[in-house]
Amino acid sequence: MRTAIGVLIVVLLLATIVPAHQDLVTYTDGYSNEFRAYYIPSSAYLKVVSLGQENFCSDLIFIWAVQFFDQYGAKVRDTYLYHTFDVITDLDPKFNEAYIFGNLFLSLDKRWDLLYELSDKGLAANGTNWMIAWDAGTYAFFQAKDYDQALRFFSIAYERNPKQPMLKDLLANAYKYRGDYETSLLYWRNILAENEESGTSQARFFKMAAERNIFDLTIKIDLRRLGKAIDAYRKRHGVWPLTLGALRTDGEIASIPVDPTGKPYSYNARNGRVSCTTPFKFKGKFAKW
């Protein structure tokens, strides 16, 4: 009986809220965008008027926000969205879907700063949740191209769920695109070792990704190392070295590396540029497919 009454009350509230919202949208059409963006009350006010039903109030605002967020001007929509989902998560800090949807909507306006802020709020309120960090990291990596933030969020996600192999893959890529080739190489070698003996499709995928990245990163590290040695030689002598071997003779480098297939790197003494001539689509001990 009490359950039926509760359901009836919820239905009546929804039946009242939706038309009321439509009337409010019509009524505020003439208002400035700045005013319309803030007509959701503060979470402090809603905590009082909800009479202890903060989670229920949070759910209603969430449903309303998902339905009507795109009715506001693009100039202030991002601010409106952050305010809305900030209120929702103040009322219910454990509302994980609110952080995920909030990030999705904020990404539409490329407000990465607000997306990171909302994600950090969710991570602080949910000490074991790794999905929020993974979600924020994917936006930072694939859309914002902000590899510092991607690395930060992927590190949090991996720390909270080290048994999820996807996270180590993402972490290795974040280090790579951030320019820390050495650390990325260590992660890829670890991924290869973990999947070397397994025959599952997932293990084969990670093994192939690791082998290709180990090949690529080895070349990147070698070329960067050789490039620094060449620049140091030119600074000291005023000319480019005639051969790469001159770097070792001059003490700029201990040994001249070769590419992962054992071939020497190509060097142009006219401009000091060094390159790898081995095609990237390699086969052999590094990969078989």
Foldseek 3Di string as FASTA:
>chain_A
DVVVVVVVVVVVVVVVVVVVVVVVCVVCVVPDLVVVLPPPDALVVCCVVVPNPLLVVLVVLVVVCVVCLVVGDLVCSLVSLLRSLVSSCVSPVQPVVSLLVSLVVNVVSPPLVSNVVSLVSSCVSPVLDLVSLCSNLCCCVVPVVPLVSNLVSLVSSCVSPVPPVVSLVSNLVSCVSVPVLVVSLVSLVVLLVVLVPDDDPVSQVSNLVSLLSNQVSQQVVLQVLLLVLQVVVCVVVVAGDPDSVVSCVVPSDVDRDDHPVRHHWDADRVVGHTGHPDDSPDDDPSDDD
